[in-house]
Amino acid sequence: MIKVLFVCSHNSARSQMAEAFLNKLGEGCFEAESAGLEIAQLNPLVIKVMEEIGYDLSRNSIDSVFDFYKAGKTYSVVVKVCDQANGQQCPVFPRTFKVLDWNFDDPTAFQGTDEKKLAKTRKVRDEIKAKVEEFITENKEYALNRMR
Protein backbone atom coordinates (compact mmCIF):
# COMPACT_ATOMS: atom_id res chain seq x y z
CA MET A 1 0.00 0.00 0.00
CA ILE A 2 1.34 3.41 -0.96
CA LYS A 3 0.40 6.25 1.40
CA VAL A 4 -0.12 9.55 -0.40
CA LEU A 5 -0.68 13.04 0.97
CA PHE A 6 -2.26 15.71 -1.25
CA VAL A 7 -1.48 19.26 -0.12
CA CYS A 8 -2.96 22.56 -1.27
CA SER A 9 -3.40 26.04 0.13
CA HIS A 10 -6.56 25.49 2.19
CA ASN A 11 -7.57 21.82 1.83
CA SER A 12 -10.90 23.10 0.54
CA ALA A 13 -10.89 22.07 -3.12
CA ARG A 14 -8.04 20.53 -5.15
CA SER A 15 -6.53 18.31 -2.48
CA GLN A 16 -9.98 17.10 -1.40
CA MET A 17 -10.81 16.05 -4.98
CA ALA A 18 -7.46 14.31 -5.47
CA GLU A 19 -7.83 12.42 -2.18
CA ALA A 20 -11.33 11.24 -3.11
CA PHE A 21 -10.26 10.08 -6.57
CA LEU A 22 -7.18 8.18 -5.37
CA ASN A 23 -8.99 6.47 -2.50
CA LYS A 24 -11.77 5.25 -4.81
CA LEU A 25 -9.90 4.57 -8.07
CA GLY A 26 -6.77 3.19 -6.40
CA GLU A 27 -8.58 1.26 -3.70
CA GLY A 28 -6.50 -1.52 -2.25
CA CYS A 29 -3.19 -0.19 -3.57
CA PHE A 30 -3.19 3.41 -2.37
CA GLU A 31 -4.28 5.24 0.77
CA ALA A 32 -4.70 9.00 0.43
CA GLU A 33 -5.16 11.87 2.83
CA SER A 34 -5.26 15.59 2.17
CA ALA A 35 -4.30 18.69 4.10
CA GLY A 36 -3.80 22.40 3.66
CA LEU A 37 -1.27 25.04 4.57
CA GLU A 38 -4.10 27.08 6.08
CA ILE A 39 -7.55 25.99 7.18
CA ALA A 40 -10.68 27.07 5.30
CA GLN A 41 -14.15 25.70 4.64
CA LEU A 42 -14.92 23.16 1.94
CA ASN A 43 -15.66 24.92 -1.33
CA PRO A 44 -19.40 24.47 -2.06
CA LEU A 45 -18.76 24.39 -5.83
CA VAL A 46 -16.31 21.53 -5.35
CA ILE A 47 -18.86 19.64 -3.26
CA LYS A 48 -21.41 20.15 -6.05
CA VAL A 49 -19.21 19.08 -8.99
CA MET A 50 -17.94 16.02 -7.15
CA GLU A 51 -21.51 15.07 -6.20
CA GLU A 52 -22.38 15.20 -9.92
CA ILE A 53 -20.09 12.21 -10.50
CA GLY A 54 -20.95 10.25 -7.37
CA TYR A 55 -18.50 11.53 -4.75
CA ASP A 56 -19.83 12.96 -1.47
CA LEU A 57 -17.31 15.36 0.06
CA SER A 58 -19.85 17.22 2.19
CA ARG A 59 -18.71 15.62 5.45
CA ASN A 60 -14.98 15.69 4.77
CA SER A 61 -12.76 17.24 7.40
CA ILE A 62 -10.37 20.09 6.72
CA ASP A 63 -6.90 19.23 7.97
CA SER A 64 -3.67 21.12 8.51
CA VAL A 65 -0.52 19.76 6.91
CA PHE A 66 1.42 21.05 9.91
CA ASP A 67 -0.76 19.01 12.29
CA PHE A 68 -0.01 15.90 10.23
CA TYR A 69 3.70 16.74 10.34
CA LYS A 70 3.67 17.33 14.10
CA ALA A 71 1.81 14.03 14.59
CA GLY A 72 4.69 12.23 12.87
CA LYS A 73 2.65 10.94 9.94
CA THR A 74 4.67 9.50 7.08
CA TYR A 75 3.87 9.20 3.39
CA SER A 76 5.54 7.49 0.47
CA VAL A 77 4.43 10.31 -1.82
CA VAL A 78 3.51 13.96 -1.15
CA VAL A 79 1.68 15.68 -4.01
CA LYS A 80 1.39 19.46 -3.98
CA VAL A 81 -1.69 20.40 -6.02
CA CYS A 82 -1.35 24.17 -5.49
CA ASP A 83 0.91 26.65 -7.21
CA GLN A 84 4.63 26.31 -6.58
CA ALA A 85 4.89 29.42 -4.38
CA ASN A 86 2.41 27.96 -1.88
CA GLY A 87 3.85 24.47 -2.27
CA GLN A 88 7.23 25.72 -1.08
CA GLN A 89 5.68 26.31 2.36
CA CYS A 90 4.90 22.61 2.80
CA PRO A 91 6.98 20.85 5.47
CA VAL A 92 9.31 18.07 4.41
CA PHE A 93 7.95 14.77 5.65
CA PRO A 94 10.60 12.25 6.72
CA ARG A 95 10.93 9.04 4.72
CA THR A 96 8.99 10.47 1.77
CA PHE A 97 10.05 8.64 -1.37
CA LYS A 98 8.73 11.19 -3.86
CA VAL A 99 7.41 14.77 -3.88
CA LEU A 100 5.35 15.78 -6.90
CA ASP A 101 4.14 19.20 -8.04
CA TRP A 102 0.77 19.14 -9.81
CA ASN A 103 -0.25 22.71 -10.40
CA PHE A 104 -4.00 23.16 -10.80
CA ASP A 105 -6.05 26.34 -10.89
CA ASP A 106 -7.67 27.18 -7.55
CA PRO A 107 -11.49 27.02 -7.72
CA THR A 108 -11.77 29.47 -4.83
CA ALA A 109 -10.19 32.15 -7.05
CA PHE A 110 -12.60 31.75 -9.97
CA GLN A 111 -14.56 34.85 -11.00
CA GLY A 112 -17.79 35.28 -12.91
CA THR A 113 -21.29 33.89 -12.67
CA ASP A 114 -21.98 30.77 -10.66
CA GLU A 115 -22.38 28.82 -13.92
CA LYS A 116 -18.98 30.00 -15.19
CA LYS A 117 -17.34 29.16 -11.86
CA LEU A 118 -19.00 25.71 -11.94
CA ALA A 119 -17.74 25.10 -15.49
CA LYS A 120 -14.19 26.04 -14.49
CA THR A 121 -14.43 23.87 -11.36
CA ARG A 122 -15.61 20.90 -13.47
CA LYS A 123 -12.58 21.41 -15.73
CA VAL A 124 -10.21 21.33 -12.74
CA ARG A 125 -12.05 18.27 -11.35
CA ASP A 126 -11.57 16.43 -14.64
CA GLU A 127 -7.90 17.45 -14.87
CA ILE A 128 -7.28 16.17 -11.34
CA LYS A 129 -9.08 12.89 -12.07
CA ALA A 130 -6.98 12.35 -15.21
CA LYS A 131 -3.76 13.07 -13.30
CA VAL A 132 -4.75 10.67 -10.50
CA GLU A 133 -5.56 7.96 -13.06
CA GLU A 134 -2.14 8.53 -14.65
CA PHE A 135 -0.49 8.31 -11.21
CA ILE A 136 -2.28 5.00 -10.52
CA THR A 137 -1.17 3.56 -13.87
CA GLU A 138 2.44 4.60 -13.27
CA ASN A 139 2.60 3.32 -9.67
CA LYS A 140 0.20 0.39 -9.38
CA GLU A 141 2.79 -2.30 -10.06
CA TYR A 142 5.09 -0.81 -7.43
CA ALA A 143 2.20 -0.68 -4.95
CA LEU A 144 1.28 -4.30 -5.63
CA ASN A 145 4.90 -5.40 -5.18
CA ARG A 146 5.06 -3.62 -1.80
CA MET A 147 2.00 -5.54 -0.66
CA ARG A 148 3.52 -8.95 -1.42
C-alpha atoms as a PDB file:
ATOM      1  CA  MET A   1       0.000   0.000   0.000  1.00  0.00           C
ATOM      2  CA  ILE A   2       1.344   3.410  -0.959  1.00  0.00           C
ATOM      3  CA  LYS A   3       0.405   6.247   1.400  1.00  0.00           C
ATOM      4  CA  VAL A   4      -0.115   9.546  -0.402  1.00  0.00           C
ATOM      5  CA  LEU A   5      -0.682  13.043   0.972  1.00  0.00           C
ATOM      6  CA  PHE A   6      -2.255  15.706  -1.247  1.00  0.00           C
ATOM      7  CA  VAL A   7      -1.476  19.262  -0.123  1.00  0.00           C
ATOM      8  CA  CYS A   8      -2.961  22.559  -1.269  1.00  0.00           C
ATOM      9  CA  SER A   9      -3.397  26.037   0.129  1.00  0.00           C
ATOM     10  CA  HIS A  10      -6.562  25.493   2.188  1.00  0.00           C
ATOM     11  CA  ASN A  11      -7.566  21.819   1.835  1.00  0.00           C
ATOM     12  CA  SER A  12     -10.899  23.096   0.545  1.00  0.00           C
ATOM     13  CA  ALA A  13     -10.893  22.071  -3.118  1.00  0.00           C
ATOM     14  CA  ARG A  14      -8.043  20.528  -5.149  1.00  0.00           C
ATOM     15  CA  SER A  15      -6.526  18.311  -2.480  1.00  0.00           C
ATOM     16  CA  GLN A  16      -9.977  17.105  -1.403  1.00  0.00           C
ATOM     17  CA  MET A  17     -10.809  16.050  -4.983  1.00  0.00           C
ATOM     18  CA  ALA A  18      -7.459  14.311  -5.468  1.00  0.00           C
ATOM     19  CA  GLU A  19      -7.827  12.420  -2.179  1.00  0.00           C
ATOM     20  CA  ALA A  20     -11.328  11.236  -3.111  1.00  0.00           C
ATOM     21  CA  PHE A  21     -10.261  10.077  -6.567  1.00  0.00           C
ATOM     22  CA  LEU A  22      -7.184   8.176  -5.374  1.00  0.00           C
ATOM     23  CA  ASN A  23      -8.995   6.467  -2.501  1.00  0.00           C
ATOM     24  CA  LYS A  24     -11.768   5.247  -4.813  1.00  0.00           C
ATOM     25  CA  LEU A  25      -9.898   4.570  -8.067  1.00  0.00           C
ATOM     26  CA  GLY A  26      -6.773   3.191  -6.400  1.00  0.00           C
ATOM     27  CA  GLU A  27      -8.582   1.258  -3.701  1.00  0.00           C
ATOM     28  CA  GLY A  28      -6.496  -1.522  -2.248  1.00  0.00           C
ATOM     29  CA  CYS A  29      -3.192  -0.192  -3.569  1.00  0.00           C
ATOM     30  CA  PHE A  30      -3.189   3.409  -2.365  1.00  0.00           C
ATOM     31  CA  GLU A  31      -4.276   5.239   0.767  1.00  0.00           C
ATOM     32  CA  ALA A  32      -4.701   8.996   0.431  1.00  0.00           C
ATOM     33  CA  GLU A  33      -5.156  11.871   2.831  1.00  0.00           C
ATOM     34  CA  SER A  34      -5.262  15.591   2.175  1.00  0.00           C
ATOM     35  CA  ALA A  35      -4.296  18.691   4.105  1.00  0.00           C
ATOM     36  CA  GLY A  36      -3.800  22.402   3.661  1.00  0.00           C
ATOM     37  CA  LEU A  37      -1.270  25.038   4.571  1.00  0.00           C
ATOM     38  CA  GLU A  38      -4.103  27.080   6.083  1.00  0.00           C
ATOM     39  CA  ILE A  39      -7.553  25.990   7.179  1.00  0.00           C
ATOM     40  CA  ALA A  40     -10.680  27.073   5.297  1.00  0.00           C
ATOM     41  CA  GLN A  41     -14.152  25.696   4.637  1.00  0.00           C
ATOM     42  CA  LEU A  42     -14.919  23.158   1.938  1.00  0.00           C
ATOM     43  CA  ASN A  43     -15.658  24.920  -1.327  1.00  0.00           C
ATOM     44  CA  PRO A  44     -19.402  24.466  -2.065  1.00  0.00           C
ATOM     45  CA  LEU A  45     -18.756  24.389  -5.827  1.00  0.00           C
ATOM     46  CA  VAL A  46     -16.312  21.531  -5.348  1.00  0.00           C
ATOM     47  CA  ILE A  47     -18.857  19.636  -3.257  1.00  0.00           C
ATOM     48  CA  LYS A  48     -21.406  20.146  -6.050  1.00  0.00           C
ATOM     49  CA  VAL A  49     -19.215  19.084  -8.992  1.00  0.00           C
ATOM     50  CA  MET A  50     -17.943  16.020  -7.146  1.00  0.00           C
ATOM     51  CA  GLU A  51     -21.511  15.072  -6.201  1.00  0.00           C
ATOM     52  CA  GLU A  52     -22.376  15.202  -9.922  1.00  0.00           C
ATOM     53  CA  ILE A  53     -20.089  12.211 -10.500  1.00  0.00           C
ATOM     54  CA  GLY A  54     -20.950  10.249  -7.371  1.00  0.00           C
ATOM     55  CA  TYR A  55     -18.497  11.532  -4.751  1.00  0.00           C
ATOM     56  CA  ASP A  56     -19.827  12.957  -1.474  1.00  0.00           C
ATOM     57  CA  LEU A  57     -17.314  15.361   0.059  1.00  0.00           C
ATOM     58  CA  SER A  58     -19.853  17.221   2.186  1.00  0.00           C
ATOM     59  CA  ARG A  59     -18.713  15.617   5.452  1.00  0.00           C
ATOM     60  CA  ASN A  60     -14.977  15.694   4.770  1.00  0.00           C
ATOM     61  CA  SER A  61     -12.762  17.237   7.398  1.00  0.00           C
ATOM     62  CA  ILE A  62     -10.368  20.088   6.719  1.00  0.00           C
ATOM     63  CA  ASP A  63      -6.904  19.230   7.972  1.00  0.00           C
ATOM     64  CA  SER A  64      -3.666  21.117   8.511  1.00  0.00           C
ATOM     65  CA  VAL A  65      -0.519  19.758   6.906  1.00  0.00           C
ATOM     66  CA  PHE A  66       1.416  21.054   9.906  1.00  0.00           C
ATOM     67  CA  ASP A  67      -0.765  19.009  12.295  1.00  0.00           C
ATOM     68  CA  PHE A  68      -0.015  15.899  10.227  1.00  0.00           C
ATOM     69  CA  TYR A  69       3.695  16.736  10.338  1.00  0.00           C
ATOM     70  CA  LYS A  70       3.675  17.326  14.104  1.00  0.00           C
ATOM     71  CA  ALA A  71       1.813  14.027  14.593  1.00  0.00           C
ATOM     72  CA  GLY A  72       4.691  12.230  12.872  1.00  0.00           C
ATOM     73  CA  LYS A  73       2.654  10.937   9.944  1.00  0.00           C
ATOM     74  CA  THR A  74       4.671   9.501   7.083  1.00  0.00           C
ATOM     75  CA  TYR A  75       3.869   9.203   3.388  1.00  0.00           C
ATOM     76  CA  SER A  76       5.535   7.490   0.469  1.00  0.00           C
ATOM     77  CA  VAL A  77       4.433  10.312  -1.823  1.00  0.00           C
ATOM     78  CA  VAL A  78       3.508  13.956  -1.153  1.00  0.00           C
ATOM     79  CA  VAL A  79       1.684  15.679  -4.007  1.00  0.00           C
ATOM     80  CA  LYS A  80       1.386  19.464  -3.984  1.00  0.00           C
ATOM     81  CA  VAL A  81      -1.687  20.404  -6.021  1.00  0.00           C
ATOM     82  CA  CYS A  82      -1.354  24.167  -5.487  1.00  0.00           C
ATOM     83  CA  ASP A  83       0.913  26.655  -7.206  1.00  0.00           C
ATOM     84  CA  GLN A  84       4.635  26.312  -6.576  1.00  0.00           C
ATOM     85  CA  ALA A  85       4.888  29.417  -4.377  1.00  0.00           C
ATOM     86  CA  ASN A  86       2.411  27.964  -1.876  1.00  0.00           C
ATOM     87  CA  GLY A  87       3.849  24.468  -2.270  1.00  0.00           C
ATOM     88  CA  GLN A  88       7.226  25.724  -1.081  1.00  0.00           C
ATOM     89  CA  GLN A  89       5.684  26.310   2.363  1.00  0.00           C
ATOM     90  CA  CYS A  90       4.902  22.610   2.797  1.00  0.00           C
ATOM     91  CA  PRO A  91       6.984  20.854   5.469  1.00  0.00           C
ATOM     92  CA  VAL A  92       9.313  18.073   4.405  1.00  0.00           C
ATOM     93  CA  PHE A  93       7.947  14.771   5.653  1.00  0.00           C
ATOM     94  CA  PRO A  94      10.600  12.246   6.722  1.00  0.00           C
ATOM     95  CA  ARG A  95      10.933   9.036   4.721  1.00  0.00           C
ATOM     96  CA  THR A  96       8.992  10.469   1.772  1.00  0.00           C
ATOM     97  CA  PHE A  97      10.045   8.638  -1.366  1.00  0.00           C
ATOM     98  CA  LYS A  98       8.732  11.188  -3.856  1.00  0.00           C
ATOM     99  CA  VAL A  99       7.407  14.770  -3.875  1.00  0.00           C
ATOM    100  CA  LEU A 100       5.351  15.777  -6.901  1.00  0.00           C
ATOM    101  CA  ASP A 101       4.140  19.196  -8.042  1.00  0.00           C
ATOM    102  CA  TRP A 102       0.774  19.136  -9.810  1.00  0.00           C
ATOM    103  CA  ASN A 103      -0.246  22.709 -10.404  1.00  0.00           C
ATOM    104  CA  PHE A 104      -4.004  23.161 -10.803  1.00  0.00           C
ATOM    105  CA  ASP A 105      -6.051  26.342 -10.890  1.00  0.00           C
ATOM    106  CA  ASP A 106      -7.672  27.184  -7.551  1.00  0.00           C
ATOM    107  CA  PRO A 107     -11.493  27.024  -7.725  1.00  0.00           C
ATOM    108  CA  THR A 108     -11.768  29.474  -4.832  1.00  0.00           C
ATOM    109  CA  ALA A 109     -10.186  32.146  -7.048  1.00  0.00           C
ATOM    110  CA  PHE A 110     -12.602  31.748  -9.971  1.00  0.00           C
ATOM    111  CA  GLN A 111     -14.558  34.846 -10.996  1.00  0.00           C
ATOM    112  CA  GLY A 112     -17.794  35.277 -12.913  1.00  0.00           C
ATOM    113  CA  THR A 113     -21.288  33.893 -12.667  1.00  0.00           C
ATOM    114  CA  ASP A 114     -21.983  30.765 -10.662  1.00  0.00           C
ATOM    115  CA  GLU A 115     -22.376  28.817 -13.921  1.00  0.00           C
ATOM    116  CA  LYS A 116     -18.980  30.003 -15.191  1.00  0.00           C
ATOM    117  CA  LYS A 117     -17.343  29.157 -11.865  1.00  0.00           C
ATOM    118  CA  LEU A 118     -19.005  25.706 -11.942  1.00  0.00           C
ATOM    119  CA  ALA A 119     -17.744  25.100 -15.487  1.00  0.00           C
ATOM    120  CA  LYS A 120     -14.186  26.043 -14.488  1.00  0.00           C
ATOM    121  CA  THR A 121     -14.430  23.868 -11.360  1.00  0.00           C
ATOM    122  CA  ARG A 122     -15.607  20.899 -13.468  1.00  0.00           C
ATOM    123  CA  LYS A 123     -12.582  21.408 -15.726  1.00  0.00           C
ATOM    124  CA  VAL A 124     -10.211  21.330 -12.736  1.00  0.00           C
ATOM    125  CA  ARG A 125     -12.045  18.266 -11.352  1.00  0.00           C
ATOM    126  CA  ASP A 126     -11.567  16.432 -14.644  1.00  0.00           C
ATOM    127  CA  GLU A 127      -7.897  17.447 -14.866  1.00  0.00           C
ATOM    128  CA  ILE A 128      -7.280  16.170 -11.342  1.00  0.00           C
ATOM    129  CA  LYS A 129      -9.079  12.893 -12.065  1.00  0.00           C
ATOM    130  CA  ALA A 130      -6.984  12.351 -15.206  1.00  0.00           C
ATOM    131  CA  LYS A 131      -3.764  13.071 -13.302  1.00  0.00           C
ATOM    132  CA  VAL A 132      -4.752  10.674 -10.498  1.00  0.00           C
ATOM    133  CA  GLU A 133      -5.555   7.963 -13.060  1.00  0.00           C
ATOM    134  CA  GLU A 134      -2.140   8.528 -14.650  1.00  0.00           C
ATOM    135  CA  PHE A 135      -0.493   8.307 -11.212  1.00  0.00           C
ATOM    136  CA  ILE A 136      -2.281   5.001 -10.520  1.00  0.00           C
ATOM    137  CA  THR A 137      -1.170   3.557 -13.866  1.00  0.00           C
ATOM    138  CA  GLU A 138       2.443   4.595 -13.269  1.00  0.00           C
ATOM    139  CA  ASN A 139       2.598   3.324  -9.670  1.00  0.00           C
ATOM    140  CA  LYS A 140       0.195   0.387  -9.379  1.00  0.00           C
ATOM    141  CA  GLU A 141       2.794  -2.296 -10.059  1.00  0.00           C
ATOM    142  CA  TYR A 142       5.095  -0.812  -7.425  1.00  0.00           C
ATOM    143  CA  ALA A 143       2.195  -0.677  -4.952  1.00  0.00           C
ATOM    144  CA  LEU A 144       1.279  -4.299  -5.625  1.00  0.00           C
ATOM    145  CA  ASN A 145       4.902  -5.402  -5.183  1.00  0.00           C
ATOM    146  CA  ARG A 146       5.063  -3.621  -1.797  1.00  0.00           C
ATOM    147  CA  MET A 147       1.996  -5.539  -0.660  1.00  0.00           C
ATOM    148  CA  ARG A 148       3.523  -8.951  -1.415  1.00  0.00           C
END
